[in-house]
Amino acid sequence: MSDAFEALKAKLAQTGTLSDEEIASADLTEEQKLWLNAERYAKQRDTSETVTLEQYLEANKVLDSAPEGSPEYEAALKIVERYEQQA
C-alpha cells in the first residue's frame, strides 16, 4: 500500500472526513480511491440521524399548522428534508 493511501486512511480515521480533492489528487489506485470513498460515506451515514416515518409525519403536521419562519416550522422542515434525502 502506498504512503499516500495510508496517510489518507489515518486522516479519515482521525477526523472522519476527507474531501474529494484530497482523494483525487493523491497517487492512488482505483481500488484505494473506491475504498476511501466507501469508508467516508459510511462514516457520514453513521453520524447522521435517521428520521423515522412517524417523525416525518409529525413534522408534516407542524408544517401545516405552524407559521412559516417560526422556530417550530424551521425544525420541522429540517426533519422533513432529512427524511426525504434518506428515502
Protein backbone atom coordinates (compact mmCIF):
# COMPACT_ATOMS: atom_id res chain seq x y z
CA MET A 1 0.00 0.00 0.00
CA SER A 2 1.16 3.46 -0.79
CA ASP A 3 2.17 6.06 1.74
CA ALA A 4 -0.49 8.42 0.39
CA PHE A 5 -3.20 5.80 0.94
CA GLU A 6 -2.03 5.13 4.49
CA ALA A 7 -1.91 8.86 5.25
CA LEU A 8 -5.44 9.43 3.93
CA LYS A 9 -6.70 6.35 5.75
CA ALA A 10 -5.22 7.68 9.00
CA LYS A 11 -6.72 11.14 8.42
CA LEU A 12 -10.13 9.61 7.74
CA ALA A 13 -9.92 7.56 10.93
CA GLN A 14 -8.87 10.62 12.95
CA THR A 15 -11.15 13.32 11.54
CA GLY A 16 -13.92 11.27 9.96
CA THR A 17 -13.80 13.31 6.76
CA LEU A 18 -11.87 13.59 3.52
CA SER A 19 -12.54 15.90 0.60
CA ASP A 20 -12.98 14.77 -2.99
CA GLU A 21 -9.89 16.80 -3.88
CA GLU A 22 -7.74 15.02 -1.32
CA ILE A 23 -8.70 11.64 -2.72
CA ALA A 24 -8.47 12.68 -6.39
CA SER A 25 -5.12 14.44 -6.06
CA ALA A 26 -3.38 11.59 -4.22
CA ASP A 27 -1.43 8.98 -6.15
CA LEU A 28 -3.84 6.10 -5.53
CA THR A 29 -5.12 3.08 -7.39
CA GLU A 30 -8.79 2.97 -8.33
CA GLU A 31 -9.37 0.32 -5.64
CA GLN A 32 -7.85 2.57 -2.99
CA LYS A 33 -9.98 5.53 -4.12
CA LEU A 34 -13.10 3.36 -4.02
CA TRP A 35 -12.22 2.07 -0.56
CA LEU A 36 -11.64 5.58 0.81
CA ASN A 37 -14.90 6.87 -0.68
CA ALA A 38 -16.85 3.92 0.70
CA GLU A 39 -15.40 4.44 4.18
CA ARG A 40 -16.02 8.19 4.00
CA TYR A 41 -19.68 7.72 3.10
CA ALA A 42 -20.12 5.01 5.72
CA LYS A 43 -18.82 7.40 8.39
CA GLN A 44 -21.16 10.15 7.19
CA ARG A 45 -24.10 7.77 7.20
CA ASP A 46 -23.25 6.54 10.70
CA THR A 47 -23.09 10.05 12.11
CA SER A 48 -26.31 11.27 10.55
CA GLU A 49 -29.52 10.77 12.46
CA THR A 50 -32.12 8.56 10.85
CA VAL A 51 -35.61 10.05 10.70
CA THR A 52 -38.49 7.63 11.19
CA LEU A 53 -41.76 7.70 9.29
CA GLU A 54 -43.54 8.77 12.48
CA GLN A 55 -41.19 11.73 12.93
CA TYR A 56 -41.69 12.67 9.28
CA LEU A 57 -45.48 12.59 9.57
CA GLU A 58 -45.44 14.61 12.79
CA ALA A 59 -43.13 17.18 11.19
CA ASN A 60 -45.51 17.49 8.24
CA LYS A 61 -48.35 18.28 10.66
CA VAL A 62 -46.22 21.04 12.19
CA LEU A 63 -45.50 22.45 8.72
CA ASP A 64 -49.24 22.62 8.10
CA SER A 65 -50.03 24.37 11.38
CA ALA A 66 -47.03 26.49 12.40
CA PRO A 67 -46.39 29.92 10.91
CA GLU A 68 -43.71 29.87 8.23
CA GLY A 69 -40.37 31.07 9.57
CA SER A 70 -41.13 30.19 13.19
CA PRO A 71 -38.60 28.03 15.09
CA GLU A 72 -41.07 25.12 15.14
CA TYR A 73 -41.58 25.41 11.38
CA GLU A 74 -37.85 25.51 10.67
CA ALA A 75 -37.14 22.48 12.89
CA ALA A 76 -39.94 20.51 11.24
CA LEU A 77 -38.69 21.49 7.79
CA LYS A 78 -35.23 20.12 8.60
CA ILE A 79 -36.76 16.80 9.69
CA VAL A 80 -38.83 16.56 6.51
CA GLU A 81 -35.83 17.37 4.30
CA ARG A 82 -33.61 14.85 6.11
CA TYR A 83 -36.25 12.12 5.74
CA GLU A 84 -36.69 12.85 2.05
CA GLN A 85 -32.93 12.74 1.49
CA GLN A 86 -32.59 9.32 3.12
CA ALA A 87 -35.51 7.86 1.15
